[in-house]
């Protein structure tokens, strides 16, 4: 009597060992078009990053003038190994396109089908037709503002928030000077002179770096946030005994009446909560400065309204308001350097893994940032926002 076996006689015989074939290193063709978005001056790769990629055999096509806003010349990119093109179509014809701002509908038309687009998404400014056009081209799109690493950190968002936090205090210091028709106060701690009072709303990354900068200048700061955990973490990071408080209207109004500068850095899931009412602003000092870093999400001051780099301020109730939504672009070279440092390792990893498909298969952070895969929408937030069909990326990339 023979026992039943699920294997055939041939299958039970010793088999030849199958060794894994090493992935072929891919050669990337990267396009850097010039930014056309209003007052956008940043560029995704610096000449040094281009040189590092070129040394690995990758080809970079950059549109002429793409680096001018960040004070990088065509000559620097050419010397680094990039091809400087005078035709925008050539930059958009590459297999991987890098942009800071999301492409316009006209720019999407220049992208070849099945290309990879890496840019910001800026969901709140998009319309449904943007996603429908990407789908028609079967484009794979990655939003760098959605890329989340293994530590749960959004690396590019964090880096740009650090710039915005530091810059907010520097901008406020400029606006207080008499040259800008301010109240003539110096942001600092001069012997025998009372220090400048700075109120910071929000204890996240923007708030932390605003606090670091203000303390560095010798200012006296007060930080408000409804998260006790964030406030404790901030005190620990700064290693300084600073005033912290939850957002209580009476306490906040008192601090605003006395302060010279207030930095708004409160974020919300969809819109920033308005925690400073118009009445509170009316009670502030004449010539006080408001820098609303949260303006890209609606702002956290009732009196805020969007301004631009060319016309950055307005006065209301005697208080100067600075409400530019794209503060890092004001320091375009620093911001470009920061973005480039994050992009370059990702690009080298994509090449080492044999292409974008393999890299996305093993790199969860890339999958986190992906919102289109060969024209299939893979981001639930976008799907819910615009009522579009959605597929889980983990079911598409196996």
Protein backbone atom coordinates (compact mmCIF):
# COMPACT_ATOMS: atom_id res chain seq x y z
CA UNK A 1 0.00 0.00 0.00
CA UNK A 2 1.60 3.27 -1.16
CA UNK A 3 1.11 6.60 0.56
CA UNK A 4 -0.22 9.47 -1.54
CA UNK A 5 2.42 12.12 -2.32
CA UNK A 6 1.61 15.60 -3.65
CA UNK A 7 4.92 15.59 -5.55
CA UNK A 8 5.84 13.72 -8.71
CA UNK A 9 8.88 11.40 -8.84
CA UNK A 10 10.80 14.01 -10.88
CA UNK A 11 10.08 16.73 -8.35
CA UNK A 12 11.48 14.60 -5.54
CA UNK A 13 14.81 14.24 -7.31
CA UNK A 14 17.60 16.76 -6.47
CA UNK A 15 17.07 19.98 -8.42
CA UNK A 16 19.57 22.48 -9.81
CA UNK A 17 20.03 25.49 -7.53
CA UNK A 18 18.52 28.71 -8.92
CA UNK A 19 20.62 31.73 -7.98
CA UNK A 20 19.13 35.21 -7.86
CA UNK A 21 20.24 37.32 -10.80
CA UNK A 22 21.61 40.67 -9.74
CA UNK A 23 19.46 43.58 -10.83
CA UNK A 24 20.90 45.60 -13.66
CA UNK A 25 21.78 49.12 -12.59
CA UNK A 26 19.52 51.49 -14.50
CA UNK A 27 20.57 54.60 -16.37
CA UNK A 28 18.29 57.50 -15.55
CA UNK A 29 17.19 60.26 -17.93
CA UNK A 30 16.16 63.18 -15.70
CA UNK A 31 14.47 66.38 -16.87
CA UNK A 32 14.57 69.69 -14.98
CA UNK A 33 12.15 72.17 -16.59
CA UNK A 34 12.20 75.82 -15.57
CA UNK A 35 9.57 76.64 -12.97
CA UNK A 36 6.68 78.72 -14.34
CA UNK A 37 4.57 78.92 -11.17
CA UNK A 38 4.07 82.46 -9.84
CA UNK A 39 7.19 83.62 -7.92
CA UNK A 40 8.64 80.10 -7.74
CA UNK A 41 12.45 80.40 -7.87
CA UNK A 42 13.63 77.06 -6.54
CA UNK A 43 15.15 74.17 -8.52
CA UNK A 44 15.16 70.47 -7.56
CA UNK A 45 18.84 69.70 -8.19
CA UNK A 46 21.92 71.84 -7.59
CA UNK A 47 24.95 71.62 -9.93
CA UNK A 48 26.76 69.53 -7.27
CA UNK A 49 23.89 67.01 -7.27
CA UNK A 50 23.93 66.94 -11.07
CA UNK A 51 27.68 66.22 -10.98
CA UNK A 52 27.12 63.33 -8.54
CA UNK A 53 24.41 61.83 -10.78
CA UNK A 54 26.40 62.39 -13.99
CA UNK A 55 29.40 60.61 -12.44
CA UNK A 56 27.18 57.53 -12.08
CA UNK A 57 26.35 57.63 -15.78
CA UNK A 58 22.93 59.29 -15.55
CA UNK A 59 21.79 61.94 -18.03
CA UNK A 60 20.25 65.21 -16.93
CA UNK A 61 18.50 67.65 -19.26
CA UNK A 62 17.89 71.09 -17.74
CA UNK A 63 15.96 73.87 -19.42
CA UNK A 64 17.98 77.03 -19.84
CA UNK A 65 17.49 79.46 -16.95
CA UNK A 66 16.00 76.83 -14.61
CA UNK A 67 18.56 77.62 -11.92
CA UNK A 68 18.65 81.41 -12.28
CA UNK A 69 16.13 82.03 -9.48
CA UNK A 70 18.50 80.19 -7.11
CA UNK A 71 21.59 81.91 -8.57
CA UNK A 72 22.82 78.84 -10.45
CA UNK A 73 23.93 79.55 -14.01
CA UNK A 74 23.54 77.37 -17.10
CA UNK A 75 27.33 77.20 -17.22
CA UNK A 76 27.49 75.61 -13.75
CA UNK A 77 25.01 72.92 -14.80
CA UNK A 78 26.82 72.34 -18.09
CA UNK A 79 30.17 71.98 -16.31
CA UNK A 80 28.51 69.48 -13.92
CA UNK A 81 27.55 67.26 -16.86
CA UNK A 82 23.97 68.31 -17.62
CA UNK A 83 22.67 69.08 -21.08
CA UNK A 84 21.29 72.63 -21.14
CA UNK A 85 18.31 72.70 -23.50
CA UNK A 86 16.64 75.73 -25.04
CA UNK A 87 13.53 73.66 -25.77
CA UNK A 88 11.18 73.05 -22.82
CA UNK A 89 9.79 69.99 -24.65
CA UNK A 90 13.16 68.24 -24.35
CA UNK A 91 13.17 68.57 -20.55
CA UNK A 92 9.61 67.25 -20.32
CA UNK A 93 10.42 64.37 -22.70
CA UNK A 94 12.70 62.68 -20.11
CA UNK A 95 11.59 59.53 -18.31
CA UNK A 96 11.84 61.19 -14.87
CA UNK A 97 10.73 64.82 -14.51
CA UNK A 98 11.62 66.80 -11.38
CA UNK A 99 9.66 69.94 -10.49
CA UNK A 100 9.13 71.98 -7.36
CA UNK A 101 5.61 73.20 -8.15
CA UNK A 102 3.09 70.79 -9.71
CA UNK A 103 2.93 71.04 -13.53
CA UNK A 104 0.23 73.04 -15.27
CA UNK A 105 -2.20 71.30 -17.63
CA UNK A 106 -0.18 72.64 -20.58
CA UNK A 107 3.01 71.16 -19.10
CA UNK A 108 1.37 67.77 -18.51
CA UNK A 109 0.61 67.66 -22.23
CA UNK A 110 4.38 67.85 -22.90
CA UNK A 111 5.08 64.79 -20.71
CA UNK A 112 5.45 61.46 -22.50
CA UNK A 113 3.08 58.62 -21.51
CA UNK A 114 4.38 56.26 -18.79
CA UNK A 115 6.84 58.89 -17.46
CA UNK A 116 7.60 59.45 -13.77
CA UNK A 117 6.75 62.88 -12.34
CA UNK A 118 8.18 63.98 -8.98
CA UNK A 119 6.91 67.33 -7.69
CA UNK A 120 4.84 68.90 -4.93
CA UNK A 121 1.12 68.11 -5.09
CA UNK A 122 -0.38 71.12 -3.27
CA UNK A 123 -3.72 69.34 -3.07
CA UNK A 124 -5.72 72.36 -1.90
CA UNK A 125 -4.90 74.27 -5.12
CA UNK A 126 -5.68 71.44 -7.56
CA UNK A 127 -8.77 70.74 -9.64
CA UNK A 128 -10.21 67.41 -10.75
CA UNK A 129 -9.05 67.90 -14.35
CA UNK A 130 -5.41 67.86 -13.17
CA UNK A 131 -5.74 64.24 -12.02
CA UNK A 132 -7.82 63.22 -15.04
CA UNK A 133 -5.11 64.55 -17.37
CA UNK A 134 -2.39 62.65 -15.50
CA UNK A 135 -4.48 59.47 -15.72
CA UNK A 136 -4.89 59.79 -19.51
CA UNK A 137 -1.10 59.93 -19.88
CA UNK A 138 -0.70 56.85 -17.60
CA UNK A 139 1.85 58.85 -15.61
CA UNK A 140 3.41 57.60 -12.37
CA UNK A 141 3.40 60.62 -10.04
CA UNK A 142 5.09 61.13 -6.67
CA UNK A 143 4.28 64.07 -4.39
CA UNK A 144 7.41 64.98 -2.45
CA UNK A 145 5.24 66.63 0.20
CA UNK A 146 3.71 63.17 0.87
CA UNK A 147 7.00 61.21 1.04
CA UNK A 148 7.27 59.81 4.58
CA UNK A 149 10.40 57.98 5.74
CA UNK A 150 10.75 54.99 8.06
CA UNK A 151 10.77 57.29 11.12
CA UNK A 152 7.38 58.77 10.20
CA UNK A 153 8.99 62.07 9.15
CA UNK A 154 8.12 63.95 5.95
CA UNK A 155 11.73 64.87 5.04
CA UNK A 156 11.14 67.59 2.44
CA UNK A 157 8.20 69.14 4.30
CA UNK A 158 10.27 69.18 7.51
CA UNK A 159 13.25 70.74 5.76
CA UNK A 160 11.15 73.50 4.17
CA UNK A 161 9.38 74.06 7.50
CA UNK A 162 12.77 74.59 9.15
CA UNK A 163 13.53 77.27 6.53
CA UNK A 164 10.11 78.90 6.96
CA UNK A 165 10.45 78.98 10.77
CA UNK A 166 13.91 80.54 10.70
CA UNK A 167 12.93 82.96 7.92
CA UNK A 168 9.76 84.12 9.71
CA UNK A 169 11.80 85.70 12.52
CA UNK A 170 14.34 87.24 10.09
CA UNK A 171 11.48 88.73 8.04
CA UNK A 172 9.84 90.15 11.17
CA UNK A 173 13.18 91.68 12.17
CA UNK A 174 13.43 93.39 8.77
CA UNK A 175 9.86 94.71 8.96
CA UNK A 176 10.47 96.27 12.38
CA UNK A 177 13.30 98.44 11.06
CA UNK A 178 12.72 102.08 10.16
CA UNK A 179 13.78 101.35 6.55
CA UNK A 180 10.53 99.39 6.16
CA UNK A 181 8.48 102.00 8.06
CA UNK A 182 8.48 99.79 11.14
CA UNK A 183 8.61 100.90 14.74
CA UNK A 184 12.43 100.99 14.70
CA UNK A 185 13.03 98.14 17.14
CA UNK A 186 16.06 95.87 16.81
CA UNK A 187 15.41 92.16 17.19
CA UNK A 188 17.94 91.47 19.90
CA UNK A 189 18.98 91.83 23.52
CA UNK A 190 21.05 94.99 23.91
CA UNK A 191 22.47 95.94 27.31
CA UNK A 192 20.11 98.22 29.19
CA UNK A 193 17.34 97.78 26.58
CA UNK A 194 14.32 95.51 27.16
CA UNK A 195 14.41 92.46 24.82
CA UNK A 196 11.94 92.10 21.97
CA UNK A 197 8.80 90.13 22.85
CA UNK A 198 7.93 87.35 20.38
CA UNK A 199 4.81 85.17 20.51
CA UNK A 200 4.88 81.91 18.55
CA UNK A 201 1.65 80.05 17.82
CA UNK A 202 2.40 76.38 17.26
CA UNK A 203 5.14 74.10 18.61
CA UNK A 204 5.77 72.05 15.48
CA UNK A 205 8.82 72.27 13.22
CA UNK A 206 8.08 75.85 12.09
CA UNK A 207 7.47 76.94 15.67
CA UNK A 208 10.62 75.19 16.90
CA UNK A 209 12.91 76.88 14.38
CA UNK A 210 11.22 80.24 14.87
CA UNK A 211 11.85 79.84 18.60
CA UNK A 212 15.50 78.82 18.05
CA UNK A 213 16.11 81.87 15.85
CA UNK A 214 14.33 84.31 18.17
CA UNK A 215 16.25 82.98 21.18
CA UNK A 216 19.48 83.25 19.21
CA UNK A 217 18.77 86.95 18.74
CA UNK A 218 18.12 87.34 22.46
CA UNK A 219 14.37 87.83 22.20
CA UNK A 220 11.94 86.88 24.96
CA UNK A 221 9.54 84.25 23.59
CA UNK A 222 6.18 82.75 24.48
CA UNK A 223 4.97 79.62 22.69
CA UNK A 224 1.33 78.53 22.51
CA UNK A 225 0.07 75.13 21.39
CA UNK A 226 -2.74 72.84 22.44
CA UNK A 227 -0.44 69.81 22.50
CA UNK A 228 1.32 69.47 25.86
CA UNK A 229 3.55 66.80 24.32
CA UNK A 230 4.78 69.22 21.64
CA UNK A 231 5.39 71.95 24.21
CA UNK A 232 7.41 69.57 26.41
CA UNK A 233 9.38 68.36 23.40
CA UNK A 234 10.11 71.96 22.39
CA UNK A 235 11.41 72.85 25.87
CA UNK A 236 13.62 69.77 25.76
CA UNK A 237 14.94 70.58 22.24
CA UNK A 238 15.69 74.21 23.06
CA UNK A 239 17.23 73.31 26.42
CA UNK A 240 16.02 76.66 27.69
CA UNK A 241 13.40 77.70 30.26
CA UNK A 242 10.83 79.33 27.96
CA UNK A 243 7.23 80.37 28.56
CA UNK A 244 4.80 77.79 27.13
CA UNK A 245 1.02 77.61 27.35
CA UNK A 246 -2.00 75.94 25.86
CA UNK A 247 -4.18 78.19 23.70
CA UNK A 248 -6.45 79.95 26.19
CA UNK A 249 -8.09 83.11 24.78
CA UNK A 250 -7.55 85.29 27.85
CA UNK A 251 -3.88 84.31 28.28
CA UNK A 252 -3.21 84.57 24.53
CA UNK A 253 -4.86 88.00 24.24
CA UNK A 254 -2.70 89.29 27.12
CA UNK A 255 0.49 88.01 25.45
CA UNK A 256 -0.50 89.52 22.08
CA UNK A 257 -1.12 92.97 23.65
CA UNK A 258 2.47 93.03 24.94
CA UNK A 259 4.36 91.43 22.03
CA UNK A 260 6.28 93.09 19.18
CA UNK A 261 6.13 90.07 16.85
CA UNK A 262 3.73 87.16 16.52
CA UNK A 263 4.49 84.14 14.32
CA UNK A 264 1.53 82.00 13.22
CA UNK A 265 2.55 78.37 12.74
CA UNK A 266 -0.59 76.43 13.65
CA UNK A 267 -1.45 73.60 11.25
CA UNK A 268 -4.74 71.76 10.86
CA UNK A 269 -5.78 68.61 9.03
CA UNK A 270 -7.54 70.59 6.32
CA UNK A 271 -7.55 74.27 7.30
CA UNK A 272 -5.52 75.99 9.96
CA UNK A 273 -7.73 76.92 12.93
CA UNK A 274 -8.28 80.65 13.41
CA UNK A 275 -7.10 81.23 16.97
CA UNK A 276 -6.43 84.99 16.83
CA UNK A 277 -9.60 87.02 16.38
CA UNK A 278 -9.84 90.48 14.83
CA UNK A 279 -10.57 91.93 18.29
CA UNK A 280 -7.26 90.48 19.57
CA UNK A 281 -5.42 92.08 16.62
CA UNK A 282 -7.08 95.45 17.34
CA UNK A 283 -5.66 95.34 20.87
CA UNK A 284 -2.06 94.73 19.71
CA UNK A 285 0.62 97.43 19.79
CA UNK A 286 0.77 99.98 16.99
CA UNK A 287 3.51 98.80 14.58
CA UNK A 288 3.53 95.20 15.81
CA UNK A 289 4.33 92.52 13.22
CA UNK A 290 2.29 89.44 12.27
CA UNK A 291 3.97 86.74 10.14
CA UNK A 292 1.32 84.14 9.25
CA UNK A 293 3.28 81.08 8.10
CA UNK A 294 0.01 79.09 8.13
CA UNK A 295 -1.48 81.21 5.33
CA UNK A 296 -1.02 78.36 2.83
CA UNK A 297 -3.71 76.57 4.84
CA UNK A 298 -5.98 79.57 5.30
CA UNK A 299 -4.07 81.32 8.10
CA UNK A 300 -4.55 81.33 11.86
CA UNK A 301 -5.37 85.07 12.16
CA UNK A 302 -8.85 86.34 11.36
CA UNK A 303 -7.30 89.40 9.70
CA UNK A 304 -4.94 87.45 7.38
CA UNK A 305 -5.22 87.43 3.61
CA UNK A 306 -2.74 86.09 1.06
CA UNK A 307 0.08 88.39 -0.11
CA UNK A 308 2.99 87.83 -2.53
CA UNK A 309 6.77 88.28 -2.52
CA UNK A 310 6.40 91.39 -4.69
CA UNK A 311 3.77 92.93 -2.32
CA UNK A 312 4.36 91.03 0.92
CA UNK A 313 2.65 93.18 3.57
CA UNK A 314 -0.46 95.14 4.43
CA UNK A 315 -1.55 97.03 7.55
CA UNK A 316 -4.72 96.41 9.48
CA UNK A 317 -5.57 98.03 12.84
CA UNK A 318 -2.03 99.47 12.83
CA UNK A 319 -0.47 95.98 12.70
CA UNK A 320 1.75 94.95 9.78
CA UNK A 321 0.70 91.59 8.30
CA UNK A 322 3.11 89.40 6.27
CA UNK A 323 1.10 86.57 4.67
CA UNK A 324 3.20 85.13 1.83
CA UNK A 325 2.37 81.41 1.40
CA UNK A 326 5.71 80.40 -0.15
CA UNK A 327 8.32 81.72 2.30
CA UNK A 328 11.12 79.20 1.39
CA UNK A 329 11.15 80.55 -2.19
CA UNK A 330 12.36 83.87 -0.75
CA UNK A 331 15.56 81.99 0.17
CA UNK A 332 15.60 79.98 -3.05
CA UNK A 333 19.23 78.90 -2.99
CA UNK A 334 19.06 77.48 0.54
CA UNK A 335 15.72 75.80 -0.21
CA UNK A 336 17.06 74.33 -3.49
CA UNK A 337 20.12 72.99 -1.69
CA UNK A 338 17.89 71.39 0.94
CA UNK A 339 15.51 69.79 -1.60
CA UNK A 340 18.43 68.60 -3.74
CA UNK A 341 20.09 66.87 -0.76
CA UNK A 342 16.93 64.84 -0.21
CA UNK A 343 16.22 64.07 -3.89
CA UNK A 344 19.72 62.89 -4.83
CA UNK A 345 19.86 59.75 -2.61
CA UNK A 346 16.37 58.77 -3.84
CA UNK A 347 17.48 59.07 -7.48
CA UNK A 348 20.67 57.08 -6.87
CA UNK A 349 18.64 54.41 -5.10
CA UNK A 350 16.16 54.23 -8.01
CA UNK A 351 19.11 53.64 -10.36
CA UNK A 352 20.75 51.05 -8.07
CA UNK A 353 17.50 49.12 -7.80
CA UNK A 354 17.24 48.90 -11.58
CA UNK A 355 14.55 51.53 -12.09
CA UNK A 356 11.61 53.22 -10.39
CA UNK A 357 9.44 50.07 -10.31
CA UNK A 358 11.93 48.06 -8.26
CA UNK A 359 12.79 51.01 -6.00
CA UNK A 360 9.11 51.58 -5.19
CA UNK A 361 8.71 47.86 -4.51
CA UNK A 362 11.29 47.96 -1.69
CA UNK A 363 11.14 51.61 -0.57
CA UNK A 364 7.99 52.28 1.43
CA UNK A 365 8.67 56.04 1.56
CA UNK A 366 8.39 56.27 -2.24
CA UNK A 367 5.09 54.38 -2.11
CA UNK A 368 3.86 56.80 0.57
CA UNK A 369 4.53 59.70 -1.79
CA UNK A 370 3.02 58.05 -4.88
CA UNK A 371 -0.46 59.24 -5.86
CA UNK A 372 -0.53 57.84 -9.40
CA UNK A 373 0.84 54.52 -10.66
CA UNK A 374 0.70 54.16 -14.45
CA UNK A 375 -2.38 56.37 -14.49
CA UNK A 376 -4.13 54.61 -11.58
CA UNK A 377 -4.93 56.86 -8.61
CA UNK A 378 -3.35 55.39 -5.46
CA UNK A 379 -3.92 58.11 -2.84
CA UNK A 380 -7.11 57.81 -0.80
CA UNK A 381 -7.07 61.48 0.28
CA UNK A 382 -7.09 62.64 -3.36
CA UNK A 383 -9.75 60.05 -4.23
CA UNK A 384 -12.06 61.19 -1.43
CA UNK A 385 -11.46 64.88 -2.12
CA UNK A 386 -12.33 64.68 -5.83
CA UNK A 387 -14.59 61.60 -5.85
CA UNK A 388 -12.26 59.58 -8.07
CA UNK A 389 -11.72 55.77 -8.23
CA UNK A 390 -8.85 54.56 -6.05
CA UNK A 391 -6.61 51.48 -5.82
CA UNK A 392 -4.26 50.54 -2.99
CA UNK A 393 -0.66 50.87 -4.21
CA UNK A 394 0.38 47.80 -2.18
CA UNK A 395 -1.95 45.68 -4.33
CA UNK A 396 -0.47 47.06 -7.56
CA UNK A 397 3.23 46.72 -6.66
CA UNK A 398 4.00 43.20 -5.50
